[in-house]
mmCIF file of all heavy atoms, coordinates in Angstrom:
data_MODEL
# 
_entry.id   MODEL 
# 
loop_
_atom_site.group_PDB 
_atom_site.id 
_atom_site.type_symbol 
_atom_site.label_atom_id 
_atom_site.label_alt_id 
_atom_site.label_comp_id 
_atom_site.label_asym_id 
_atom_site.label_entity_id 
_atom_site.label_seq_id 
_atom_site.pdbx_PDB_ins_code 
_atom_site.Cartn_x 
_atom_site.Cartn_y 
_atom_site.Cartn_z 
_atom_site.occupancy 
_atom_site.B_iso_or_equiv 
_atom_site.pdbx_formal_charge 
_atom_site.auth_seq_id 
_atom_site.auth_comp_id 
_atom_site.auth_asym_id 
_atom_site.auth_atom_id 
_atom_site.pdbx_PDB_model_num 
ATOM 1   N N   . TRP A 1 1  ? 103.814 109.276 84.702  1.00 0.00 ? 1  TRP A N   1 
ATOM 2   C CA  . TRP A 1 1  ? 104.453 108.297 85.589  1.00 0.00 ? 1  TRP A CA  1 
ATOM 3   C C   . TRP A 1 1  ? 104.970 108.985 86.850  1.00 0.00 ? 1  TRP A C   1 
ATOM 4   O O   . TRP A 1 1  ? 104.867 108.437 87.956  1.00 0.00 ? 1  TRP A O   1 
ATOM 5   C CB  . TRP A 1 1  ? 105.586 107.578 84.866  1.00 0.00 ? 1  TRP A CB  1 
ATOM 6   C CG  . TRP A 1 1  ? 105.119 106.430 84.030  1.00 0.00 ? 1  TRP A CG  1 
ATOM 7   C CD1 . TRP A 1 1  ? 105.002 106.399 82.678  1.00 0.00 ? 1  TRP A CD1 1 
ATOM 8   C CD2 . TRP A 1 1  ? 104.693 105.139 84.491  1.00 0.00 ? 1  TRP A CD2 1 
ATOM 9   N NE1 . TRP A 1 1  ? 104.537 105.170 82.248  1.00 0.00 ? 1  TRP A NE1 1 
ATOM 10  C CE2 . TRP A 1 1  ? 104.336 104.381 83.350  1.00 0.00 ? 1  TRP A CE2 1 
ATOM 11  C CE3 . TRP A 1 1  ? 104.574 104.558 85.744  1.00 0.00 ? 1  TRP A CE3 1 
ATOM 12  C CZ2 . TRP A 1 1  ? 103.871 103.069 83.444  1.00 0.00 ? 1  TRP A CZ2 1 
ATOM 13  C CZ3 . TRP A 1 1  ? 104.115 103.250 85.845  1.00 0.00 ? 1  TRP A CZ3 1 
ATOM 14  C CH2 . TRP A 1 1  ? 103.772 102.526 84.702  1.00 0.00 ? 1  TRP A CH2 1 
ATOM 15  N N   . ARG A 1 2  ? 105.537 110.178 86.703  1.00 0.00 ? 2  ARG A N   1 
ATOM 16  C CA  . ARG A 1 2  ? 106.017 110.894 87.885  1.00 0.00 ? 2  ARG A CA  1 
ATOM 17  C C   . ARG A 1 2  ? 104.869 111.196 88.833  1.00 0.00 ? 2  ARG A C   1 
ATOM 18  O O   . ARG A 1 2  ? 105.006 111.069 90.057  1.00 0.00 ? 2  ARG A O   1 
ATOM 19  C CB  . ARG A 1 2  ? 106.724 112.192 87.482  1.00 0.00 ? 2  ARG A CB  1 
ATOM 20  C CG  . ARG A 1 2  ? 108.016 111.974 86.702  1.00 0.00 ? 2  ARG A CG  1 
ATOM 21  C CD  . ARG A 1 2  ? 108.892 113.223 86.736  1.00 0.00 ? 2  ARG A CD  1 
ATOM 22  N NE  . ARG A 1 2  ? 108.231 114.385 86.177  1.00 0.00 ? 2  ARG A NE  1 
ATOM 23  C CZ  . ARG A 1 2  ? 108.270 114.721 84.905  1.00 0.00 ? 2  ARG A CZ  1 
ATOM 24  N NH1 . ARG A 1 2  ? 108.914 113.961 84.017  1.00 0.00 ? 2  ARG A NH1 1 
ATOM 25  N NH2 . ARG A 1 2  ? 107.666 115.811 84.469  1.00 0.00 ? 2  ARG A NH2 1 
ATOM 26  N N   . ASP A 1 3  ? 103.730 111.590 88.271  1.00 0.00 ? 3  ASP A N   1 
ATOM 27  C CA  . ASP A 1 3  ? 102.555 111.847 89.112  1.00 0.00 ? 3  ASP A CA  1 
ATOM 28  C C   . ASP A 1 3  ? 102.101 110.579 89.820  1.00 0.00 ? 3  ASP A C   1 
ATOM 29  O O   . ASP A 1 3  ? 101.740 110.605 91.005  1.00 0.00 ? 3  ASP A O   1 
ATOM 30  C CB  . ASP A 1 3  ? 101.417 112.407 88.256  1.00 0.00 ? 3  ASP A CB  1 
ATOM 31  C CG  . ASP A 1 3  ? 101.671 113.830 87.788  1.00 0.00 ? 3  ASP A CG  1 
ATOM 32  O OD1 . ASP A 1 3  ? 102.567 114.482 88.351  1.00 0.00 ? 3  ASP A OD1 1 
ATOM 33  O OD2 . ASP A 1 3  ? 100.987 114.275 86.850  1.00 0.00 ? 3  ASP A OD2 1 
ATOM 34  N N   . LEU A 1 4  ? 102.106 109.461 89.087  1.00 0.00 ? 4  LEU A N   1 
ATOM 35  C CA  . LEU A 1 4  ? 101.695 108.194 89.696  1.00 0.00 ? 4  LEU A CA  1 
ATOM 36  C C   . LEU A 1 4  ? 102.656 107.796 90.813  1.00 0.00 ? 4  LEU A C   1 
ATOM 37  O O   . LEU A 1 4  ? 102.229 107.381 91.898  1.00 0.00 ? 4  LEU A O   1 
ATOM 38  C CB  . LEU A 1 4  ? 101.628 107.090 88.643  1.00 0.00 ? 4  LEU A CB  1 
ATOM 39  C CG  . LEU A 1 4  ? 101.329 105.677 89.176  1.00 0.00 ? 4  LEU A CG  1 
ATOM 40  C CD1 . LEU A 1 4  ? 99.954  105.634 89.842  1.00 0.00 ? 4  LEU A CD1 1 
ATOM 41  C CD2 . LEU A 1 4  ? 101.430 104.645 88.066  1.00 0.00 ? 4  LEU A CD2 1 
ATOM 42  N N   . LEU A 1 5  ? 103.962 107.915 90.568  1.00 0.00 ? 5  LEU A N   1 
ATOM 43  C CA  . LEU A 1 5  ? 104.942 107.552 91.591  1.00 0.00 ? 5  LEU A CA  1 
ATOM 44  C C   . LEU A 1 5  ? 104.765 108.412 92.834  1.00 0.00 ? 5  LEU A C   1 
ATOM 45  O O   . LEU A 1 5  ? 104.838 107.918 93.969  1.00 0.00 ? 5  LEU A O   1 
ATOM 46  C CB  . LEU A 1 5  ? 106.357 107.698 91.041  1.00 0.00 ? 5  LEU A CB  1 
ATOM 47  C CG  . LEU A 1 5  ? 106.739 106.776 89.877  1.00 0.00 ? 5  LEU A CG  1 
ATOM 48  C CD1 . LEU A 1 5  ? 108.174 107.035 89.451  1.00 0.00 ? 5  LEU A CD1 1 
ATOM 49  C CD2 . LEU A 1 5  ? 106.546 105.316 90.239  1.00 0.00 ? 5  LEU A CD2 1 
ATOM 50  N N   . ALA A 1 6  ? 104.540 109.712 92.642  1.00 0.00 ? 6  ALA A N   1 
ATOM 51  C CA  . ALA A 1 6  ? 104.323 110.601 93.786  1.00 0.00 ? 6  ALA A CA  1 
ATOM 52  C C   . ALA A 1 6  ? 103.077 110.194 94.557  1.00 0.00 ? 6  ALA A C   1 
ATOM 53  O O   . ALA A 1 6  ? 103.058 110.201 95.798  1.00 0.00 ? 6  ALA A O   1 
ATOM 54  C CB  . ALA A 1 6  ? 104.203 112.049 93.310  1.00 0.00 ? 6  ALA A CB  1 
ATOM 55  N N   . PHE A 1 7  ? 102.019 109.806 93.829  1.00 0.00 ? 7  PHE A N   1 
ATOM 56  C CA  . PHE A 1 7  ? 100.778 109.377 94.478  1.00 0.00 ? 7  PHE A CA  1 
ATOM 57  C C   . PHE A 1 7  ? 101.013 108.098 95.274  1.00 0.00 ? 7  PHE A C   1 
ATOM 58  O O   . PHE A 1 7  ? 100.531 107.970 96.404  1.00 0.00 ? 7  PHE A O   1 
ATOM 59  C CB  . PHE A 1 7  ? 99.694  109.166 93.415  1.00 0.00 ? 7  PHE A CB  1 
ATOM 60  C CG  . PHE A 1 7  ? 98.374  108.710 93.979  1.00 0.00 ? 7  PHE A CG  1 
ATOM 61  C CD1 . PHE A 1 7  ? 97.560  109.593 94.664  1.00 0.00 ? 7  PHE A CD1 1 
ATOM 62  C CD2 . PHE A 1 7  ? 97.951  107.401 93.831  1.00 0.00 ? 7  PHE A CD2 1 
ATOM 63  C CE1 . PHE A 1 7  ? 96.343  109.183 95.188  1.00 0.00 ? 7  PHE A CE1 1 
ATOM 64  C CE2 . PHE A 1 7  ? 96.737  106.975 94.349  1.00 0.00 ? 7  PHE A CE2 1 
ATOM 65  C CZ  . PHE A 1 7  ? 95.932  107.876 95.034  1.00 0.00 ? 7  PHE A CZ  1 
ATOM 66  N N   . LEU A 1 8  ? 101.756 107.151 94.710  1.00 0.00 ? 8  LEU A N   1 
ATOM 67  C CA  . LEU A 1 8  ? 102.051 105.903 95.422  1.00 0.00 ? 8  LEU A CA  1 
ATOM 68  C C   . LEU A 1 8  ? 102.834 106.177 96.703  1.00 0.00 ? 8  LEU A C   1 
ATOM 69  O O   . LEU A 1 8  ? 102.612 105.527 97.733  1.00 0.00 ? 8  LEU A O   1 
ATOM 70  C CB  . LEU A 1 8  ? 102.829 104.949 94.527  1.00 0.00 ? 8  LEU A CB  1 
ATOM 71  C CG  . LEU A 1 8  ? 102.090 104.414 93.294  1.00 0.00 ? 8  LEU A CG  1 
ATOM 72  C CD1 . LEU A 1 8  ? 103.018 103.537 92.460  1.00 0.00 ? 8  LEU A CD1 1 
ATOM 73  C CD2 . LEU A 1 8  ? 100.842 103.634 93.689  1.00 0.00 ? 8  LEU A CD2 1 
ATOM 74  N N   . GLU A 1 9  ? 103.752 107.145 96.641  1.00 0.00 ? 9  GLU A N   1 
ATOM 75  C CA  . GLU A 1 9  ? 104.507 107.515 97.834  1.00 0.00 ? 9  GLU A CA  1 
ATOM 76  C C   . GLU A 1 9  ? 103.591 108.143 98.879  1.00 0.00 ? 9  GLU A C   1 
ATOM 77  O O   . GLU A 1 9  ? 103.645 107.800 100.065 1.00 0.00 ? 9  GLU A O   1 
ATOM 78  C CB  . GLU A 1 9  ? 105.625 108.487 97.465  1.00 0.00 ? 9  GLU A CB  1 
ATOM 79  C CG  . GLU A 1 9  ? 106.721 107.860 96.613  1.00 0.00 ? 9  GLU A CG  1 
ATOM 80  C CD  . GLU A 1 9  ? 107.658 108.907 96.021  1.00 0.00 ? 9  GLU A CD  1 
ATOM 81  O OE1 . GLU A 1 9  ? 107.412 110.112 96.256  1.00 0.00 ? 9  GLU A OE1 1 
ATOM 82  O OE2 . GLU A 1 9  ? 108.619 108.520 95.331  1.00 0.00 ? 9  GLU A OE2 1 
ATOM 83  N N   . GLU A 1 10 ? 102.741 109.073 98.435  1.00 0.00 ? 10 GLU A N   1 
ATOM 84  C CA  . GLU A 1 10 ? 101.844 109.766 99.364  1.00 0.00 ? 10 GLU A CA  1 
ATOM 85  C C   . GLU A 1 10 ? 100.869 108.813 100.033 1.00 0.00 ? 10 GLU A C   1 
ATOM 86  O O   . GLU A 1 10 ? 100.503 108.995 101.199 1.00 0.00 ? 10 GLU A O   1 
ATOM 87  C CB  . GLU A 1 10 ? 101.069 110.857 98.616  1.00 0.00 ? 10 GLU A CB  1 
ATOM 88  C CG  . GLU A 1 10 ? 101.951 112.014 98.152  1.00 0.00 ? 10 GLU A CG  1 
ATOM 89  C CD  . GLU A 1 10 ? 101.260 112.857 97.098  1.00 0.00 ? 10 GLU A CD  1 
ATOM 90  O OE1 . GLU A 1 10 ? 100.114 112.518 96.715  1.00 0.00 ? 10 GLU A OE1 1 
ATOM 91  O OE2 . GLU A 1 10 ? 101.862 113.842 96.640  1.00 0.00 ? 10 GLU A OE2 1 
ATOM 92  N N   . GLN A 1 11 ? 100.439 107.786 99.297  1.00 0.00 ? 11 GLN A N   1 
ATOM 93  C CA  . GLN A 1 11 ? 99.474  106.824 99.826  1.00 0.00 ? 11 GLN A CA  1 
ATOM 94  C C   . GLN A 1 11 ? 100.148 105.646 100.542 1.00 0.00 ? 11 GLN A C   1 
ATOM 95  O O   . GLN A 1 11 ? 99.482  104.701 100.941 1.00 0.00 ? 11 GLN A O   1 
ATOM 96  C CB  . GLN A 1 11 ? 98.600  106.290 98.678  1.00 0.00 ? 11 GLN A CB  1 
ATOM 97  C CG  . GLN A 1 11 ? 97.783  107.352 97.977  1.00 0.00 ? 11 GLN A CG  1 
ATOM 98  C CD  . GLN A 1 11 ? 96.804  108.030 98.903  1.00 0.00 ? 11 GLN A CD  1 
ATOM 99  O OE1 . GLN A 1 11 ? 96.068  107.373 99.639  1.00 0.00 ? 11 GLN A OE1 1 
ATOM 100 N NE2 . GLN A 1 11 ? 96.774  109.359 98.882  1.00 0.00 ? 11 GLN A NE2 1 
ATOM 101 N N   . ASN A 1 12 ? 101.470 105.714 100.696 1.00 0.00 ? 12 ASN A N   1 
ATOM 102 C CA  . ASN A 1 12 ? 102.239 104.660 101.362 1.00 0.00 ? 12 ASN A CA  1 
ATOM 103 C C   . ASN A 1 12 ? 102.072 103.300 100.700 1.00 0.00 ? 12 ASN A C   1 
ATOM 104 O O   . ASN A 1 12 ? 102.075 102.255 101.365 1.00 0.00 ? 12 ASN A O   1 
ATOM 105 C CB  . ASN A 1 12 ? 101.842 104.564 102.847 1.00 0.00 ? 12 ASN A CB  1 
ATOM 106 C CG  . ASN A 1 12 ? 102.185 105.819 103.616 1.00 0.00 ? 12 ASN A CG  1 
ATOM 107 O OD1 . ASN A 1 12 ? 103.269 106.360 103.477 1.00 0.00 ? 12 ASN A OD1 1 
ATOM 108 N ND2 . ASN A 1 12 ? 101.236 106.296 104.408 1.00 0.00 ? 12 ASN A ND2 1 
ATOM 109 N N   . VAL A 1 13 ? 101.911 103.322 99.380  1.00 0.00 ? 13 VAL A N   1 
ATOM 110 C CA  . VAL A 1 13 ? 101.821 102.070 98.628  1.00 0.00 ? 13 VAL A CA  1 
ATOM 111 C C   . VAL A 1 13 ? 103.215 101.575 98.263  1.00 0.00 ? 13 VAL A C   1 
ATOM 112 O O   . VAL A 1 13 ? 103.522 100.386 98.373  1.00 0.00 ? 13 VAL A O   1 
ATOM 113 C CB  . VAL A 1 13 ? 100.968 102.254 97.352  1.00 0.00 ? 13 VAL A CB  1 
ATOM 114 C CG1 . VAL A 1 13 ? 100.953 100.979 96.505  1.00 0.00 ? 13 VAL A CG1 1 
ATOM 115 C CG2 . VAL A 1 13 ? 99.541  102.654 97.730  1.00 0.00 ? 13 VAL A CG2 1 
ATOM 116 N N   . SER A 1 14 ? 104.085 102.492 97.840  1.00 0.00 ? 14 SER A N   1 
ATOM 117 C CA  . SER A 1 14 ? 105.456 102.124 97.497  1.00 0.00 ? 14 SER A CA  1 
ATOM 118 C C   . SER A 1 14 ? 106.332 103.355 97.502  1.00 0.00 ? 14 SER A C   1 
ATOM 119 O O   . SER A 1 14 ? 105.860 104.473 97.306  1.00 0.00 ? 14 SER A O   1 
ATOM 120 C CB  . SER A 1 14 ? 105.506 101.458 96.115  1.00 0.00 ? 14 SER A CB  1 
ATOM 121 O OG  . SER A 1 14 ? 106.805 100.970 95.838  1.00 0.00 ? 14 SER A OG  1 
ATOM 122 N N   . ASN A 1 15 ? 107.607 103.146 97.741  1.00 0.00 ? 15 ASN A N   1 
ATOM 123 C CA  . ASN A 1 15 ? 108.601 104.211 97.625  1.00 0.00 ? 15 ASN A CA  1 
ATOM 124 C C   . ASN A 1 15 ? 109.986 103.586 97.588  1.00 0.00 ? 15 ASN A C   1 
ATOM 125 O O   . ASN A 1 15 ? 110.135 102.377 97.746  1.00 0.00 ? 15 ASN A O   1 
ATOM 126 C CB  . ASN A 1 15 ? 108.473 105.225 98.778  1.00 0.00 ? 15 ASN A CB  1 
ATOM 127 C CG  . ASN A 1 15 ? 108.610 104.572 100.138 1.00 0.00 ? 15 ASN A CG  1 
ATOM 128 O OD1 . ASN A 1 15 ? 109.610 103.933 100.445 1.00 0.00 ? 15 ASN A OD1 1 
ATOM 129 N ND2 . ASN A 1 15 ? 107.575 104.726 100.960 1.00 0.00 ? 15 ASN A ND2 1 
ATOM 130 N N   . ASP A 1 16 ? 110.998 104.419 97.397  1.00 0.00 ? 16 ASP A N   1 
ATOM 131 C CA  . ASP A 1 16 ? 112.368 103.926 97.274  1.00 0.00 ? 16 ASP A CA  1 
ATOM 132 C C   . ASP A 1 16 ? 112.844 103.200 98.522  1.00 0.00 ? 16 ASP A C   1 
ATOM 133 O O   . ASP A 1 16 ? 113.692 102.305 98.452  1.00 0.00 ? 16 ASP A O   1 
ATOM 134 C CB  . ASP A 1 16 ? 113.319 105.081 96.972  1.00 0.00 ? 16 ASP A CB  1 
ATOM 135 C CG  . ASP A 1 16 ? 113.594 105.211 95.480  1.00 0.00 ? 16 ASP A CG  1 
ATOM 136 O OD1 . ASP A 1 16 ? 113.298 104.274 94.740  1.00 0.00 ? 16 ASP A OD1 1 
ATOM 137 O OD2 . ASP A 1 16 ? 114.102 106.262 95.064  1.00 0.00 ? 16 ASP A OD2 1 
ATOM 138 N N   . ALA A 1 17 ? 112.300 103.580 99.679  1.00 0.00 ? 17 ALA A N   1 
ATOM 139 C CA  . ALA A 1 17 ? 112.762 102.962 100.919 1.00 0.00 ? 17 ALA A CA  1 
ATOM 140 C C   . ALA A 1 17 ? 112.426 101.481 100.993 1.00 0.00 ? 17 ALA A C   1 
ATOM 141 O O   . ALA A 1 17 ? 113.019 100.740 101.777 1.00 0.00 ? 17 ALA A O   1 
ATOM 142 C CB  . ALA A 1 17 ? 112.147 103.692 102.122 1.00 0.00 ? 17 ALA A CB  1 
ATOM 143 N N   . LEU A 1 18 ? 111.469 101.032 100.176 1.00 0.00 ? 18 LEU A N   1 
ATOM 144 C CA  . LEU A 1 18 ? 111.054 99.638  100.209 1.00 0.00 ? 18 LEU A CA  1 
ATOM 145 C C   . LEU A 1 18 ? 111.836 98.761  99.239  1.00 0.00 ? 18 LEU A C   1 
ATOM 146 O O   . LEU A 1 18 ? 111.603 97.555  99.163  1.00 0.00 ? 18 LEU A O   1 
ATOM 147 C CB  . LEU A 1 18 ? 109.548 99.535  99.888  1.00 0.00 ? 18 LEU A CB  1 
ATOM 148 C CG  . LEU A 1 18 ? 108.636 100.303 100.842 1.00 0.00 ? 18 LEU A CG  1 
ATOM 149 C CD1 . LEU A 1 18 ? 107.190 100.218 100.368 1.00 0.00 ? 18 LEU A CD1 1 
ATOM 150 C CD2 . LEU A 1 18 ? 108.767 99.776  102.258 1.00 0.00 ? 18 LEU A CD2 1 
ATOM 151 N N   . GLY A 1 19 ? 112.752 99.356  98.494  1.00 0.00 ? 19 GLY A N   1 
ATOM 152 C CA  . GLY A 1 19 ? 113.519 98.601  97.512  1.00 0.00 ? 19 GLY A CA  1 
ATOM 153 C C   . GLY A 1 19 ? 114.829 98.081  98.084  1.00 0.00 ? 19 GLY A C   1 
ATOM 154 O O   . GLY A 1 19 ? 115.249 98.449  99.184  1.00 0.00 ? 19 GLY A O   1 
ATOM 155 N N   . PRO A 1 20 ? 115.508 97.215  97.340  1.00 0.00 ? 20 PRO A N   1 
ATOM 156 C CA  . PRO A 1 20 ? 116.804 96.698  97.778  1.00 0.00 ? 20 PRO A CA  1 
ATOM 157 C C   . PRO A 1 20 ? 117.889 97.756  97.648  1.00 0.00 ? 20 PRO A C   1 
ATOM 158 O O   . PRO A 1 20 ? 117.747 98.727  96.912  1.00 0.00 ? 20 PRO A O   1 
ATOM 159 C CB  . PRO A 1 20 ? 117.050 95.528  96.809  1.00 0.00 ? 20 PRO A CB  1 
ATOM 160 C CG  . PRO A 1 20 ? 116.317 95.922  95.567  1.00 0.00 ? 20 PRO A CG  1 
ATOM 161 C CD  . PRO A 1 20 ? 115.093 96.660  96.032  1.00 0.00 ? 20 PRO A CD  1 
ATOM 162 N N   . ILE A 1 21 ? 118.974 97.566  98.362  1.00 0.00 ? 21 ILE A N   1 
ATOM 163 C CA  . ILE A 1 21 ? 120.107 98.489  98.290  1.00 0.00 ? 21 ILE A CA  1 
ATOM 164 C C   . ILE A 1 21 ? 120.951 98.145  97.077  1.00 0.00 ? 21 ILE A C   1 
ATOM 165 O O   . ILE A 1 21 ? 121.344 97.005  96.870  1.00 0.00 ? 21 ILE A O   1 
ATOM 166 C CB  . ILE A 1 21 ? 120.946 98.396  99.580  1.00 0.00 ? 21 ILE A CB  1 
ATOM 167 C CG1 . ILE A 1 21 ? 120.122 98.860  100.776 1.00 0.00 ? 21 ILE A CG1 1 
ATOM 168 C CG2 . ILE A 1 21 ? 122.224 99.228  99.454  1.00 0.00 ? 21 ILE A CG2 1 
ATOM 169 C CD1 . ILE A 1 21 ? 120.809 98.669  102.110 1.00 0.00 ? 21 ILE A CD1 1 
ATOM 170 N N   . SER A 1 22 ? 121.232 99.167  96.273  1.00 0.00 ? 22 SER A N   1 
ATOM 171 C CA  . SER A 1 22 ? 122.060 98.966  95.088  1.00 0.00 ? 22 SER A CA  1 
ATOM 172 C C   . SER A 1 22 ? 123.529 99.155  95.443  1.00 0.00 ? 22 SER A C   1 
ATOM 173 O O   . SER A 1 22 ? 123.877 99.712  96.493  1.00 0.00 ? 22 SER A O   1 
ATOM 174 C CB  . SER A 1 22 ? 121.661 99.957  93.992  1.00 0.00 ? 22 SER A CB  1 
ATOM 175 O OG  . SER A 1 22 ? 122.003 101.283 94.379  1.00 0.00 ? 22 SER A OG  1 
ATOM 176 N N   . ASP A 1 23 ? 124.410 98.706  94.544  1.00 0.00 ? 23 ASP A N   1 
ATOM 177 C CA  . ASP A 1 23 ? 125.839 98.911  94.753  1.00 0.00 ? 23 ASP A CA  1 
ATOM 178 C C   . ASP A 1 23 ? 126.176 100.400 94.824  1.00 0.00 ? 23 ASP A C   1 
ATOM 179 O O   . ASP A 1 23 ? 127.009 100.827 95.628  1.00 0.00 ? 23 ASP A O   1 
ATOM 180 C CB  . ASP A 1 23 ? 126.640 98.264  93.614  1.00 0.00 ? 23 ASP A CB  1 
ATOM 181 C CG  . ASP A 1 23 ? 126.667 96.749  93.719  1.00 0.00 ? 23 ASP A CG  1 
ATOM 182 O OD1 . ASP A 1 23 ? 126.437 96.232  94.837  1.00 0.00 ? 23 ASP A OD1 1 
ATOM 183 O OD2 . ASP A 1 23 ? 126.911 96.084  92.706  1.00 0.00 ? 23 ASP A OD2 1 
ATOM 184 N N   . ALA A 1 24 ? 125.527 101.191 93.969  1.00 0.00 ? 24 ALA A N   1 
ATOM 185 C CA  . ALA A 1 24 ? 125.792 102.634 93.968  1.00 0.00 ? 24 ALA A CA  1 
ATOM 186 C C   . ALA A 1 24 ? 125.390 103.263 95.302  1.00 0.00 ? 24 ALA A C   1 
ATOM 187 O O   . ALA A 1 24 ? 126.095 104.130 95.838  1.00 0.00 ? 24 ALA A O   1 
ATOM 188 C CB  . ALA A 1 24 ? 125.042 103.299 92.822  1.00 0.00 ? 24 ALA A CB  1 
ATOM 189 N N   . GLU A 1 25 ? 124.252 102.828 95.854  1.00 0.00 ? 25 GLU A N   1 
ATOM 190 C CA  . GLU A 1 25 ? 123.805 103.367 97.143  1.00 0.00 ? 25 GLU A CA  1 
ATOM 191 C C   . GLU A 1 25 ? 124.756 102.949 98.256  1.00 0.00 ? 25 GLU A C   1 
ATOM 192 O O   . GLU A 1 25 ? 125.094 103.747 99.136  1.00 0.00 ? 25 GLU A O   1 
ATOM 193 C CB  . GLU A 1 25 ? 122.387 102.899 97.436  1.00 0.00 ? 25 GLU A CB  1 
ATOM 194 C CG  . GLU A 1 25 ? 121.347 103.546 96.540  1.00 0.00 ? 25 GLU A CG  1 
ATOM 195 C CD  . GLU A 1 25 ? 120.007 102.841 96.579  1.00 0.00 ? 25 GLU A CD  1 
ATOM 196 O OE1 . GLU A 1 25 ? 119.963 101.650 96.974  1.00 0.00 ? 25 GLU A OE1 1 
ATOM 197 O OE2 . GLU A 1 25 ? 118.997 103.463 96.201  1.00 0.00 ? 25 GLU A OE2 1 
ATOM 198 N N   . ALA A 1 26 ? 125.178 101.685 98.225  1.00 0.00 ? 26 ALA A N   1 
ATOM 199 C CA  . ALA A 1 26 ? 126.104 101.207 99.249  1.00 0.00 ? 26 ALA A CA  1 
ATOM 200 C C   . ALA A 1 26 ? 127.424 101.970 99.198  1.00 0.00 ? 26 ALA A C   1 
ATOM 201 O O   . ALA A 1 26 ? 128.001 102.316 100.231 1.00 0.00 ? 26 ALA A O   1 
ATOM 202 C CB  . ALA A 1 26 ? 126.349 99.710  99.066  1.00 0.00 ? 26 ALA A CB  1 
ATOM 203 N N   . ALA A 1 27 ? 127.896 102.255 97.984  1.00 0.00 ? 27 ALA A N   1 
ATOM 204 C CA  . ALA A 1 27 ? 129.160 102.975 97.823  1.00 0.00 ? 27 ALA A CA  1 
ATOM 205 C C   . ALA A 1 27 ? 129.056 104.417 98.302  1.00 0.00 ? 27 ALA A C   1 
ATOM 206 O O   . ALA A 1 27 ? 130.071 105.055 98.592  1.00 0.00 ? 27 ALA A O   1 
ATOM 207 C CB  . ALA A 1 27 ? 129.600 102.944 96.359  1.00 0.00 ? 27 ALA A CB  1 
# 
């Protein structure tokens, strides 16, 4: 799964920047 996530990031398919902001991140 880590390899797949890294591949998705490298291919600009998905990454953390495309997700919603969590309460922990806002804090």
